Amino acid sequence: MRKGVITVSVLALTATLVGCFKGGVLNRDLVFKTKMGDVHFSHVYHVKVKKMHCSYCHPRLFKKRFGADKFTMRDIWQGKYCGACHNGRIAFDARNRNNCSRCHRQGGGES
């Protein structure tokens, strides 16, 4: 019985990972609607280009379900969520007004 549970768990994990990489969330931008313009987050850039493992952000900074985290720019400026890296030391500084358009797209257009 235990061997069957482990096998099912491994298969479920493998299917989840394959789903993420083949047409799933890792191959497209996640778009968050805000009053300051749509925010585009690229899993492709963070995972495939920067070689960051999923566990770097999940579940330490973000839950694994899209839209499950509710946060504001104030949270980011305080070093939470995206601000854990986008602080001017690890990645571009989200507090710098010159960087707003790196995430926020006015008019909700595509990147």
PDB file of N, CA and C in Angstrom:
ATOM      1  N   MET A   1       0.820  -1.195   0.000  1.00  0.00           N
ATOM      2  CA  MET A   1       0.000   0.000   0.000  1.00  0.00           C
ATOM      3  C   MET A   1       0.866   1.262   0.000  1.00  0.00           C
ATOM      4  N   ARG A   2       1.887   1.303   0.852  1.00  0.00           N
ATOM      5  CA  ARG A   2       2.745   2.491   0.950  1.00  0.00           C
ATOM      6  C   ARG A   2       3.488   2.753  -0.366  1.00  0.00           C
ATOM      7  N   LYS A   3       3.967   1.684  -1.013  1.00  0.00           N
ATOM      8  CA  LYS A   3       4.678   1.835  -2.275  1.00  0.00           C
ATOM      9  C   LYS A   3       3.768   2.454  -3.336  1.00  0.00           C
ATOM     10  N   GLY A   4       2.500   2.061  -3.346  1.00  0.00           N
ATOM     11  CA  GLY A   4       1.543   2.615  -4.295  1.00  0.00           C
ATOM     12  C   GLY A   4       1.297   4.096  -4.062  1.00  0.00           C
ATOM     13  N   VAL A   5       1.238   4.523  -2.799  1.00  0.00           N
ATOM     14  CA  VAL A   5       1.023   5.932  -2.458  1.00  0.00           C
ATOM     15  C   VAL A   5       2.213   6.765  -2.917  1.00  0.00           C
ATOM     16  N   ILE A   6       3.419   6.248  -2.696  1.00  0.00           N
ATOM     17  CA  ILE A   6       4.622   6.961  -3.103  1.00  0.00           C
ATOM     18  C   ILE A   6       4.672   7.089  -4.617  1.00  0.00           C
ATOM     19  N   THR A   7       4.338   6.011  -5.329  1.00  0.00           N
ATOM     20  CA  THR A   7       4.346   6.026  -6.785  1.00  0.00           C
ATOM     21  C   THR A   7       3.351   7.057  -7.312  1.00  0.00           C
ATOM     22  N   VAL A   8       2.140   7.067  -6.758  1.00  0.00           N
ATOM     23  CA  VAL A   8       1.124   8.025  -7.187  1.00  0.00           C
ATOM     24  C   VAL A   8       1.598   9.447  -6.906  1.00  0.00           C
ATOM     25  N   SER A   9       2.213   9.685  -5.758  1.00  0.00           N
ATOM     26  CA  SER A   9       2.706  11.018  -5.410  1.00  0.00           C
ATOM     27  C   SER A   9       3.783  11.480  -6.382  1.00  0.00           C
ATOM     28  N   VAL A  10       4.709  10.605  -6.718  1.00  0.00           N
ATOM     29  CA  VAL A  10       5.784  10.945  -7.653  1.00  0.00           C
ATOM     30  C   VAL A  10       5.202  11.231  -9.032  1.00  0.00           C
ATOM     31  N   LEU A  11       4.251  10.426  -9.474  1.00  0.00           N
ATOM     32  CA  LEU A  11       3.622  10.653 -10.777  1.00  0.00           C
ATOM     33  C   LEU A  11       2.858  11.976 -10.798  1.00  0.00           C
ATOM     34  N   ALA A  12       2.162  12.299  -9.722  1.00  0.00           N
ATOM     35  CA  ALA A  12       1.414  13.555  -9.650  1.00  0.00           C
ATOM     36  C   ALA A  12       2.368  14.749  -9.694  1.00  0.00           C
ATOM     37  N   LEU A  13       3.478  14.654  -8.970  1.00  0.00           N
ATOM     38  CA  LEU A  13       4.467  15.730  -8.969  1.00  0.00           C
ATOM     39  C   LEU A  13       5.081  15.904 -10.351  1.00  0.00           C
ATOM     40  N   THR A  14       5.416  14.803 -10.990  1.00  0.00           N
ATOM     41  CA  THR A  14       5.995  14.850 -12.334  1.00  0.00           C
ATOM     42  C   THR A  14       5.009  15.472 -13.318  1.00  0.00           C
ATOM     43  N   ALA A  15       3.750  15.073 -13.254  1.00  0.00           N
ATOM     44  CA  ALA A  15       2.732  15.625 -14.151  1.00  0.00           C
ATOM     45  C   ALA A  15       2.565  17.121 -13.922  1.00  0.00           C
ATOM     46  N   THR A  16       2.614  17.542 -12.675  1.00  0.00           N
ATOM     47  CA  THR A  16       2.498  18.967 -12.360  1.00  0.00           C
ATOM     48  C   THR A  16       3.662  19.741 -12.947  1.00  0.00           C
ATOM     49  N   LEU A  17       4.882  19.238 -12.773  1.00  0.00           N
ATOM     50  CA  LEU A  17       6.063  19.927 -13.296  1.00  0.00           C
ATOM     51  C   LEU A  17       6.057  19.986 -14.814  1.00  0.00           C
ATOM     52  N   VAL A  18       5.683  18.880 -15.456  1.00  0.00           N
ATOM     53  CA  VAL A  18       5.620  18.858 -16.918  1.00  0.00           C
ATOM     54  C   VAL A  18       4.555  19.843 -17.390  1.00  0.00           C
ATOM     55  N   GLY A  19       3.411  19.900 -16.715  1.00  0.00           N
ATOM     56  CA  GLY A  19       2.350  20.842 -17.072  1.00  0.00           C
ATOM     57  C   GLY A  19       2.808  22.278 -16.957  1.00  0.00           C
ATOM     58  N   CYS A  20       3.609  22.577 -15.945  1.00  0.00           N
ATOM     59  CA  CYS A  20       4.109  23.938 -15.763  1.00  0.00           C
ATOM     60  C   CYS A  20       5.042  24.338 -16.896  1.00  0.00           C
ATOM     61  N   PHE A  21       5.895  23.427 -17.332  1.00  0.00           N
ATOM     62  CA  PHE A  21       6.882  23.771 -18.344  1.00  0.00           C
ATOM     63  C   PHE A  21       6.346  23.670 -19.763  1.00  0.00           C
ATOM     64  N   LYS A  22       5.357  22.824 -20.020  1.00  0.00           N
ATOM     65  CA  LYS A  22       4.826  22.657 -21.377  1.00  0.00           C
ATOM     66  C   LYS A  22       3.504  23.402 -21.502  1.00  0.00           C
ATOM     67  N   GLY A  23       3.580  24.675 -21.834  1.00  0.00           N
ATOM     68  CA  GLY A  23       2.370  25.443 -22.074  1.00  0.00           C
ATOM     69  C   GLY A  23       1.703  25.963 -20.820  1.00  0.00           C
ATOM     70  N   GLY A  24       2.258  25.670 -19.659  1.00  0.00           N
ATOM     71  CA  GLY A  24       1.669  26.129 -18.410  1.00  0.00           C
ATOM     72  C   GLY A  24       2.166  27.508 -18.031  1.00  0.00           C
ATOM     73  N   VAL A  25       2.106  27.805 -16.752  1.00  0.00           N
ATOM     74  CA  VAL A  25       2.427  29.154 -16.271  1.00  0.00           C
ATOM     75  C   VAL A  25       3.866  29.567 -16.529  1.00  0.00           C
ATOM     76  N   LEU A  26       4.763  28.642 -16.708  1.00  0.00           N
ATOM     77  CA  LEU A  26       6.159  29.024 -16.922  1.00  0.00           C
ATOM     78  C   LEU A  26       6.435  29.517 -18.334  1.00  0.00           C
ATOM     79  N   ASN A  27       5.510  29.322 -19.236  1.00  0.00           N
ATOM     80  CA  ASN A  27       5.723  29.721 -20.627  1.00  0.00           C
ATOM     81  C   ASN A  27       4.922  30.955 -21.034  1.00  0.00           C
ATOM     82  N   ARG A  28       4.411  31.691 -20.065  1.00  0.00           N
ATOM     83  CA  ARG A  28       3.650  32.893 -20.386  1.00  0.00           C
ATOM     84  C   ARG A  28       3.767  33.881 -19.242  1.00  0.00           C
ATOM     85  N   ASP A  29       3.413  35.129 -19.548  1.00  0.00           N
ATOM     86  CA  ASP A  29       3.360  36.138 -18.500  1.00  0.00           C
ATOM     87  C   ASP A  29       2.098  35.935 -17.666  1.00  0.00           C
ATOM     88  N   LEU A  30       2.226  36.214 -16.378  1.00  0.00           N
ATOM     89  CA  LEU A  30       1.045  36.322 -15.528  1.00  0.00           C
ATOM     90  C   LEU A  30       0.694  37.801 -15.526  1.00  0.00           C
ATOM     91  N   VAL A  31      -0.567  38.122 -15.684  1.00  0.00           N
ATOM     92  CA  VAL A  31      -0.986  39.513 -15.758  1.00  0.00           C
ATOM     93  C   VAL A  31      -1.909  39.822 -14.585  1.00  0.00           C
ATOM     94  N   PHE A  32      -1.524  40.836 -13.834  1.00  0.00           N
ATOM     95  CA  PHE A  32      -2.303  41.301 -12.695  1.00  0.00           C
ATOM     96  C   PHE A  32      -2.890  42.662 -13.056  1.00  0.00           C
ATOM     97  N   LYS A  33      -4.188  42.821 -12.925  1.00  0.00           N
ATOM     98  CA  LYS A  33      -4.858  44.084 -13.236  1.00  0.00           C
ATOM     99  C   LYS A  33      -4.717  45.029 -12.044  1.00  0.00           C
ATOM    100  N   THR A  34      -4.214  46.244 -12.302  1.00  0.00           N
ATOM    101  CA  THR A  34      -4.119  47.263 -11.252  1.00  0.00           C
ATOM    102  C   THR A  34      -4.559  48.602 -11.832  1.00  0.00           C
ATOM    103  N   LYS A  35      -4.871  49.552 -10.962  1.00  0.00           N
ATOM    104  CA  LYS A  35      -5.281  50.878 -11.443  1.00  0.00           C
ATOM    105  C   LYS A  35      -4.128  51.647 -12.069  1.00  0.00           C
ATOM    106  N   MET A  36      -2.895  51.210 -11.833  1.00  0.00           N
ATOM    107  CA  MET A  36      -1.723  51.864 -12.410  1.00  0.00           C
ATOM    108  C   MET A  36      -1.232  51.160 -13.675  1.00  0.00           C
ATOM    109  N   GLY A  37      -2.063  50.293 -14.247  1.00  0.00           N
ATOM    110  CA  GLY A  37      -1.694  49.553 -15.453  1.00  0.00           C
ATOM    111  C   GLY A  37      -1.478  48.086 -15.117  1.00  0.00           C
ATOM    112  N   ASP A  38      -1.655  47.255 -16.105  1.00  0.00           N
ATOM    113  CA  ASP A  38      -1.457  45.821 -15.905  1.00  0.00           C
ATOM    114  C   ASP A  38      -0.014  45.542 -15.500  1.00  0.00           C
ATOM    115  N   VAL A  39       0.147  44.623 -14.561  1.00  0.00           N
ATOM    116  CA  VAL A  39       1.482  44.198 -14.149  1.00  0.00           C
ATOM    117  C   VAL A  39       1.744  42.847 -14.800  1.00  0.00           C
ATOM    118  N   HIS A  40       2.831  42.763 -15.554  1.00  0.00           N
ATOM    119  CA  HIS A  40       3.206  41.526 -16.239  1.00  0.00           C
ATOM    120  C   HIS A  40       4.375  40.887 -15.503  1.00  0.00           C
ATOM    121  N   PHE A  41       4.185  39.624 -15.100  1.00  0.00           N
ATOM    122  CA  PHE A  41       5.261  38.871 -14.468  1.00  0.00           C
ATOM    123  C   PHE A  41       5.627  37.729 -15.394  1.00  0.00           C
ATOM    124  N   SER A  42       6.899  37.607 -15.729  1.00  0.00           N
ATOM    125  CA  SER A  42       7.358  36.575 -16.651  1.00  0.00           C
ATOM    126  C   SER A  42       8.039  35.430 -15.898  1.00  0.00           C
ATOM    127  N   HIS A  43       7.356  34.275 -15.860  1.00  0.00           N
ATOM    128  CA  HIS A  43       8.004  33.079 -15.324  1.00  0.00           C
ATOM    129  C   HIS A  43       9.171  32.679 -16.220  1.00  0.00           C
ATOM    130  N   VAL A  44       9.017  32.837 -17.531  1.00  0.00           N
ATOM    131  CA  VAL A  44      10.083  32.460 -18.469  1.00  0.00           C
ATOM    132  C   VAL A  44      11.376  33.169 -18.092  1.00  0.00           C
ATOM    133  N   TYR A  45      11.306  34.480 -17.885  1.00  0.00           N
ATOM    134  CA  TYR A  45      12.509  35.234 -17.547  1.00  0.00           C
ATOM    135  C   TYR A  45      13.086  34.788 -16.207  1.00  0.00           C
ATOM    136  N   HIS A  46      12.254  34.698 -15.188  1.00  0.00           N
ATOM    137  CA  HIS A  46      12.756  34.383 -13.854  1.00  0.00           C
ATOM    138  C   HIS A  46      13.269  32.947 -13.730  1.00  0.00           C
ATOM    139  N   VAL A  47      12.562  32.000 -14.349  1.00  0.00           N
ATOM    140  CA  VAL A  47      12.925  30.583 -14.200  1.00  0.00           C
ATOM    141  C   VAL A  47      13.917  30.120 -15.264  1.00  0.00           C
ATOM    142  N   LYS A  48      13.623  30.390 -16.513  1.00  0.00           N
ATOM    143  CA  LYS A  48      14.464  29.858 -17.586  1.00  0.00           C
ATOM    144  C   LYS A  48      15.686  30.723 -17.877  1.00  0.00           C
ATOM    145  N   VAL A  49      15.556  32.044 -17.793  1.00  0.00           N
ATOM    146  CA  VAL A  49      16.679  32.924 -18.091  1.00  0.00           C
ATOM    147  C   VAL A  49      17.554  33.123 -16.857  1.00  0.00           C
ATOM    148  N   LYS A  50      16.944  33.498 -15.747  1.00  0.00           N
ATOM    149  CA  LYS A  50      17.701  33.755 -14.517  1.00  0.00           C
ATOM    150  C   LYS A  50      18.012  32.466 -13.744  1.00  0.00           C
ATOM    151  N   LYS A  51      17.436  31.349 -14.182  1.00  0.00           N
ATOM    152  CA  LYS A  51      17.702  30.025 -13.586  1.00  0.00           C
ATOM    153  C   LYS A  51      17.305  29.947 -12.109  1.00  0.00           C
ATOM    154  N   MET A  52      16.207  30.613 -11.770  1.00  0.00           N
ATOM    155  CA  MET A  52      15.709  30.566 -10.397  1.00  0.00           C
ATOM    156  C   MET A  52      14.790  29.356 -10.264  1.00  0.00           C
ATOM    157  N   HIS A  53      14.982  28.559  -9.217  1.00  0.00           N
ATOM    158  CA  HIS A  53      14.141  27.404  -8.961  1.00  0.00           C
ATOM    159  C   HIS A  53      12.819  27.866  -8.357  1.00  0.00           C
ATOM    160  N   CYS A  54      11.736  27.158  -8.635  1.00  0.00           N
ATOM    161  CA  CYS A  54      10.408  27.515  -8.122  1.00  0.00           C
ATOM    162  C   CYS A  54      10.412  27.757  -6.617  1.00  0.00           C
ATOM    163  N   SER A  55      11.180  26.940  -5.883  1.00  0.00           N
ATOM    164  CA  SER A  55      11.185  27.031  -4.422  1.00  0.00           C
ATOM    165  C   SER A  55      11.823  28.322  -3.913  1.00  0.00           C
ATOM    166  N   TYR A  56      12.480  29.062  -4.793  1.00  0.00           N
ATOM    167  CA  TYR A  56      13.042  30.342  -4.370  1.00  0.00           C
ATOM    168  C   TYR A  56      11.921  31.293  -3.952  1.00  0.00           C
ATOM    169  N   CYS A  57      10.816  31.256  -4.690  1.00  0.00           N
ATOM    170  CA  CYS A  57       9.676  32.141  -4.402  1.00  0.00           C
ATOM    171  C   CYS A  57       8.497  31.422  -3.748  1.00  0.00           C
ATOM    172  N   HIS A  58       8.311  30.144  -4.101  1.00  0.00           N
ATOM    173  CA  HIS A  58       7.152  29.399  -3.606  1.00  0.00           C
ATOM    174  C   HIS A  58       7.565  28.325  -2.610  1.00  0.00           C
ATOM    175  N   PRO A  59       6.968  28.264  -1.419  1.00  0.00           N
ATOM    176  CA  PRO A  59       5.935  29.135  -0.879  1.00  0.00           C
ATOM    177  C   PRO A  59       6.501  30.264   0.000  1.00  0.00           C
ATOM    178  N   ARG A  60       7.787  30.481  -0.037  1.00  0.00           N
ATOM    179  CA  ARG A  60       8.426  31.483   0.832  1.00  0.00           C
ATOM    180  C   ARG A  60       7.844  32.872   0.603  1.00  0.00           C
ATOM    181  N   LEU A  61       7.722  33.313  -0.635  1.00  0.00           N
ATOM    182  CA  LEU A  61       7.226  34.661  -0.933  1.00  0.00           C
ATOM    183  C   LEU A  61       5.790  34.657  -1.443  1.00  0.00           C
ATOM    184  N   PHE A  62       5.448  33.645  -2.212  1.00  0.00           N
ATOM    185  CA  PHE A  62       4.128  33.579  -2.841  1.00  0.00           C
ATOM    186  C   PHE A  62       3.518  32.198  -2.685  1.00  0.00           C
ATOM    187  N   LYS A  63       2.180  32.157  -2.589  1.00  0.00           N
ATOM    188  CA  LYS A  63       1.467  30.883  -2.629  1.00  0.00           C
ATOM    189  C   LYS A  63       1.554  30.366  -4.061  1.00  0.00           C
ATOM    190  N   LYS A  64       1.256  29.105  -4.261  1.00  0.00           N
ATOM    191  CA  LYS A  64       1.408  28.516  -5.598  1.00  0.00           C
ATOM    192  C   LYS A  64       0.183  28.689  -6.485  1.00  0.00           C
ATOM    193  N   ARG A  65      -0.855  29.340  -6.000  1.00  0.00           N
ATOM    194  CA  ARG A  65      -2.068  29.513  -6.793  1.00  0.00           C
ATOM    195  C   ARG A  65      -2.171  30.959  -7.251  1.00  0.00           C
ATOM    196  N   PHE A  66      -2.338  31.165  -8.564  1.00  0.00           N
ATOM    197  CA  PHE A  66      -2.431  32.508  -9.134  1.00  0.00           C
ATOM    198  C   PHE A  66      -3.554  33.284  -8.461  1.00  0.00           C
ATOM    199  N   GLY A  67      -3.235  34.483  -8.016  1.00  0.00           N
ATOM    200  CA  GLY A  67      -4.221  35.351  -7.392  1.00  0.00           C
ATOM    201  C   GLY A  67      -4.451  35.104  -5.912  1.00  0.00           C
ATOM    202  N   ALA A  68      -3.778  34.120  -5.337  1.00  0.00           N
ATOM    203  CA  ALA A  68      -3.988  33.800  -3.925  1.00  0.00           C
ATOM    204  C   ALA A  68      -3.364  34.834  -2.997  1.00  0.00           C
ATOM    205  N   ASP A  69      -2.339  35.518  -3.473  1.00  0.00           N
ATOM    206  CA  ASP A  69      -1.666  36.534  -2.661  1.00  0.00           C
ATOM    207  C   ASP A  69      -2.254  37.900  -2.968  1.00  0.00           C
ATOM    208  N   LYS A  70      -2.591  38.626  -1.937  1.00  0.00           N
ATOM    209  CA  LYS A  70      -3.086  39.995  -2.090  1.00  0.00           C
ATOM    210  C   LYS A  70      -2.034  40.919  -1.485  1.00  0.00           C
ATOM    211  N   PHE A  71      -1.427  41.763  -2.332  1.00  0.00           N
ATOM    212  CA  PHE A  71      -0.394  42.658  -1.825  1.00  0.00           C
ATOM    213  C   PHE A  71      -0.439  43.966  -2.590  1.00  0.00           C
ATOM    214  N   THR A  72       0.208  44.959  -2.032  1.00  0.00           N
ATOM    215  CA  THR A  72       0.198  46.304  -2.604  1.00  0.00           C
ATOM    216  C   THR A  72       1.631  46.729  -2.905  1.00  0.00           C
ATOM    217  N   MET A  73       1.758  47.876  -3.561  1.00  0.00           N
ATOM    218  CA  MET A  73       3.090  48.435  -3.798  1.00  0.00           C
ATOM    219  C   MET A  73       3.764  48.748  -2.461  1.00  0.00           C
ATOM    220  N   ARG A  74       3.002  49.157  -1.473  1.00  0.00           N
ATOM    221  CA  ARG A  74       3.581  49.416  -0.152  1.00  0.00           C
ATOM    222  C   ARG A  74       4.263  48.157   0.389  1.00  0.00           C
ATOM    223  N   ASP A  75       3.625  46.998   0.208  1.00  0.00           N
ATOM    224  CA  ASP A  75       4.234  45.731   0.634  1.00  0.00           C
ATOM    225  C   ASP A  75       5.552  45.496  -0.102  1.00  0.00           C
ATOM    226  N   ILE A  76       5.550  45.738  -1.408  1.00  0.00           N
ATOM    227  CA  ILE A  76       6.759  45.545  -2.203  1.00  0.00           C
ATOM    228  C   ILE A  76       7.849  46.505  -1.744  1.00  0.00           C
ATOM    229  N   TRP A  77       7.490  47.776  -1.520  1.00  0.00           N
ATOM    230  CA  TRP A  77       8.466  48.768  -1.053  1.00  0.00           C
ATOM    231  C   TRP A  77       9.032  48.401   0.310  1.00  0.00           C
ATOM    232  N   GLN A  78       8.265  47.627   1.098  1.00  0.00           N
ATOM    233  CA  GLN A  78       8.724  47.201   2.421  1.00  0.00           C
ATOM    234  C   GLN A  78       9.530  45.904   2.362  1.00  0.00           C
ATOM    235  N   GLY A  79       9.819  45.428   1.157  1.00  0.00           N
ATOM    236  CA  GLY A  79      10.650  44.239   1.001  1.00  0.00           C
ATOM    237  C   GLY A  79       9.895  42.930   1.039  1.00  0.00           C
ATOM    238  N   LYS A  80       8.587  42.972   0.893  1.00  0.00           N
ATOM    239  CA  LYS A  80       7.779  41.757   0.860  1.00  0.00           C
ATOM    240  C   LYS A  80       7.461  41.410  -0.591  1.00  0.00           C
ATOM    241  N   TYR A  81       7.066  40.181  -0.832  1.00  0.00           N
ATOM    242  CA  TYR A  81       6.691  39.705  -2.164  1.00  0.00           C
ATOM    243  C   TYR A  81       7.797  40.043  -3.180  1.00  0.00           C
ATOM    244  N   CYS A  82       7.489  40.724  -4.261  1.00  0.00           N
ATOM    245  CA  CYS A  82       8.482  41.065  -5.295  1.00  0.00           C
ATOM    246  C   CYS A  82       9.635  41.874  -4.710  1.00  0.00           C
ATOM    247  N   GLY A  83       9.332  42.678  -3.702  1.00  0.00           N
ATOM    248  CA  GLY A  83      10.323  43.544  -3.078  1.00  0.00           C
ATOM    249  C   GLY A  83      11.429  42.808  -2.350  1.00  0.00           C
ATOM    250  N   ALA A  84      11.256  41.506  -2.119  1.00  0.00           N
ATOM    251  CA  ALA A  84      12.326  40.724  -1.484  1.00  0.00           C
ATOM    252  C   ALA A  84      13.573  40.709  -2.365  1.00  0.00           C
ATOM    253  N   CYS A  85      13.382  40.784  -3.670  1.00  0.00           N
ATOM    254  CA  CYS A  85      14.515  40.834  -4.610  1.00  0.00           C
ATOM    255  C   CYS A  85      14.636  42.191  -5.294  1.00  0.00           C
ATOM    256  N   HIS A  86      13.512  42.798  -5.604  1.00  0.00           N
ATOM    257  CA  HIS A  86      13.538  44.068  -6.336  1.00  0.00           C
ATOM    258  C   HIS A  86      13.743  45.225  -5.360  1.00  0.00           C
ATOM    259  N   ASN A  87      14.965  45.239  -4.823  1.00  0.00           N
ATOM    260  CA  ASN A  87      15.332  46.193  -3.772  1.00  0.00           C
ATOM    261  C   ASN A  87      16.549  47.033  -4.143  1.00  0.00           C
ATOM    262  N   GLY A  88      17.031  46.887  -5.376  1.00  0.00           N
ATOM    263  CA  GLY A  88      18.199  47.633  -5.825  1.00  0.00           C
ATOM    264  C   GLY A  88      19.513  46.924  -5.556  1.00  0.00           C
ATOM    265  N   ARG A  89      19.476  45.849  -4.801  1.00  0.00           N
ATOM    266  CA  ARG A  89      20.693  45.063  -4.532  1.00  0.00           C
ATOM    267  C   ARG A  89      20.690  43.769  -5.341  1.00  0.00           C
ATOM    268  N   ILE A  90      19.585  43.050  -5.299  1.00  0.00           N
ATOM    269  CA  ILE A  90      19.490  41.775  -6.012  1.00  0.00           C
ATOM    270  C   ILE A  90      18.992  41.998  -7.436  1.00  0.00           C
ATOM    271  N   ALA A  91      17.971  42.821  -7.568  1.00  0.00           N
ATOM    272  CA  ALA A  91      17.386  43.134  -8.876  1.00  0.00           C
ATOM    273  C   ALA A  91      16.995  44.612  -8.871  1.00  0.00           C
ATOM    274  N   PHE A  92      16.519  45.110 -10.007  1.00  0.00           N
ATOM    275  CA  PHE A  92      16.202  46.540 -10.086  1.00  0.00           C
ATOM    276  C   PHE A  92      15.292  46.957  -8.929  1.00  0.00           C
ATOM    277  N   ASP A  93      15.431  48.203  -8.515  1.00  0.00           N
ATOM    278  CA  ASP A  93      14.737  48.725  -7.346  1.00  0.00           C
ATOM    279  C   ASP A  93      13.309  49.141  -7.702  1.00  0.00           C
ATOM    280  N   ALA A  94      12.323  48.451  -7.142  1.00  0.00           N
ATOM    281  CA  ALA A  94      10.916  48.764  -7.394  1.00  0.00           C
ATOM    282  C   ALA A  94      10.514  50.099  -6.768  1.00  0.00           C
ATOM    283  N   ARG A  95      11.323  50.627  -5.860  1.00  0.00           N
ATOM    284  CA  ARG A  95      11.014  51.919  -5.229  1.00  0.00           C
ATOM    285  C   ARG A  95      11.416  53.092  -6.123  1.00  0.00           C
ATOM    286  N   ASN A  96      12.213  52.838  -7.139  1.00  0.00           N
ATOM    287  CA  ASN A  96      12.666  53.891  -8.039  1.00  0.00           C
ATOM    288  C   ASN A  96      11.587  54.146  -9.097  1.00  0.00           C
ATOM    289  N   ARG A  97      11.055  55.360  -9.123  1.00  0.00           N
ATOM    290  CA  ARG A  97       9.969  55.699 -10.050  1.00  0.00           C
ATOM    291  C   ARG A  97      10.352  55.488 -11.516  1.00  0.00           C
ATOM    292  N   ASN A  98      11.622  55.504 -11.842  1.00  0.00           N
ATOM    293  CA  ASN A  98      12.058  55.268 -13.218  1.00  0.00           C
ATOM    294  C   ASN A  98      11.862  53.822 -13.646  1.00  0.00           C
ATOM    295  N   ASN A  99      11.589  52.938 -12.699  1.00  0.00           N
ATOM    296  CA  ASN A  99      11.431  51.518 -13.009  1.00  0.00           C
ATOM    297  C   ASN A  99       9.978  51.064 -13.091  1.00  0.00           C
ATOM    298  N   CYS A 100       9.019  51.958 -12.868  1.00  0.00           N
ATOM    299  CA  CYS A 100       7.601  51.564 -12.847  1.00  0.00           C
ATOM    300  C   CYS A 100       7.200  50.788 -14.106  1.00  0.00           C
ATOM    301  N   SER A 101       7.625  51.289 -15.273  1.00  0.00           N
ATOM    302  CA  SER A 101       7.194  50.679 -16.534  1.00  0.00           C
ATOM    303  C   SER A 101       7.836  49.320 -16.798  1.00  0.00           C
ATOM    304  N   ARG A 102       8.766  48.915 -15.978  1.00  0.00           N
ATOM    305  CA  ARG A 102       9.354  47.591 -16.152  1.00  0.00           C
ATOM    306  C   ARG A 102       8.362  46.499 -15.795  1.00  0.00           C
ATOM    307  N   CYS A 103       7.375  46.838 -14.971  1.00  0.00           N
ATOM    308  CA  CYS A 103       6.322  45.886 -14.598  1.00  0.00           C
ATOM    309  C   CYS A 103       4.946  46.364 -15.034  1.00  0.00           C
ATOM    310  N   HIS A 104       4.663  47.659 -14.835  1.00  0.00           N
ATOM    311  CA  HIS A 104       3.349  48.212 -15.145  1.00  0.00           C
ATOM    312  C   HIS A 104       3.288  48.637 -16.600  1.00  0.00           C
ATOM    313  N   ARG A 105       2.267  48.139 -17.300  1.00  0.00           N
ATOM    314  CA  ARG A 105       2.045  48.469 -18.705  1.00  0.00           C
ATOM    315  C   ARG A 105       0.776  49.294 -18.780  1.00  0.00           C
ATOM    316  N   GLN A 106       0.874  50.545 -19.123  1.00  0.00           N
ATOM    317  CA  GLN A 106      -0.300  51.422 -19.216  1.00  0.00           C
ATOM    318  C   GLN A 106      -1.223  50.947 -20.337  1.00  0.00           C
ATOM    319  N   GLY A 107      -2.504  51.054 -20.072  1.00  0.00           N
ATOM    320  CA  GLY A 107      -3.491  50.688 -21.083  1.00  0.00           C
ATOM    321  C   GLY A 107      -3.725  49.206 -21.204  1.00  0.00           C
ATOM    322  N   GLY A 108      -3.037  48.398 -20.419  1.00  0.00           N
ATOM    323  CA  GLY A 108      -3.262  46.965 -20.424  1.00  0.00           C
ATOM    324  C   GLY A 108      -2.786  46.249 -21.672  1.00  0.00           C
ATOM    325  N   GLY A 109      -1.912  46.883 -22.453  1.00  0.00           N
ATOM    326  CA  GLY A 109      -1.414  46.267 -23.686  1.00  0.00           C
ATOM    327  C   GLY A 109      -0.420  45.158 -23.428  1.00  0.00           C
ATOM    328  N   GLU A 110      -0.159  44.392 -24.436  1.00  0.00           N
ATOM    329  CA  GLU A 110       0.837  43.312 -24.332  1.00  0.00           C
ATOM    330  C   GLU A 110       2.236  43.879 -24.366  1.00  0.00           C
ATOM    331  N   SER A 111       3.180  43.133 -23.824  1.00  0.00           N
ATOM    332  CA  SER A 111       4.576  43.572 -23.811  1.00  0.00           C
ATOM    333  C   SER A 111       5.240  43.365 -25.150  1.00  0.00           C
TER     334      SER A 111
END
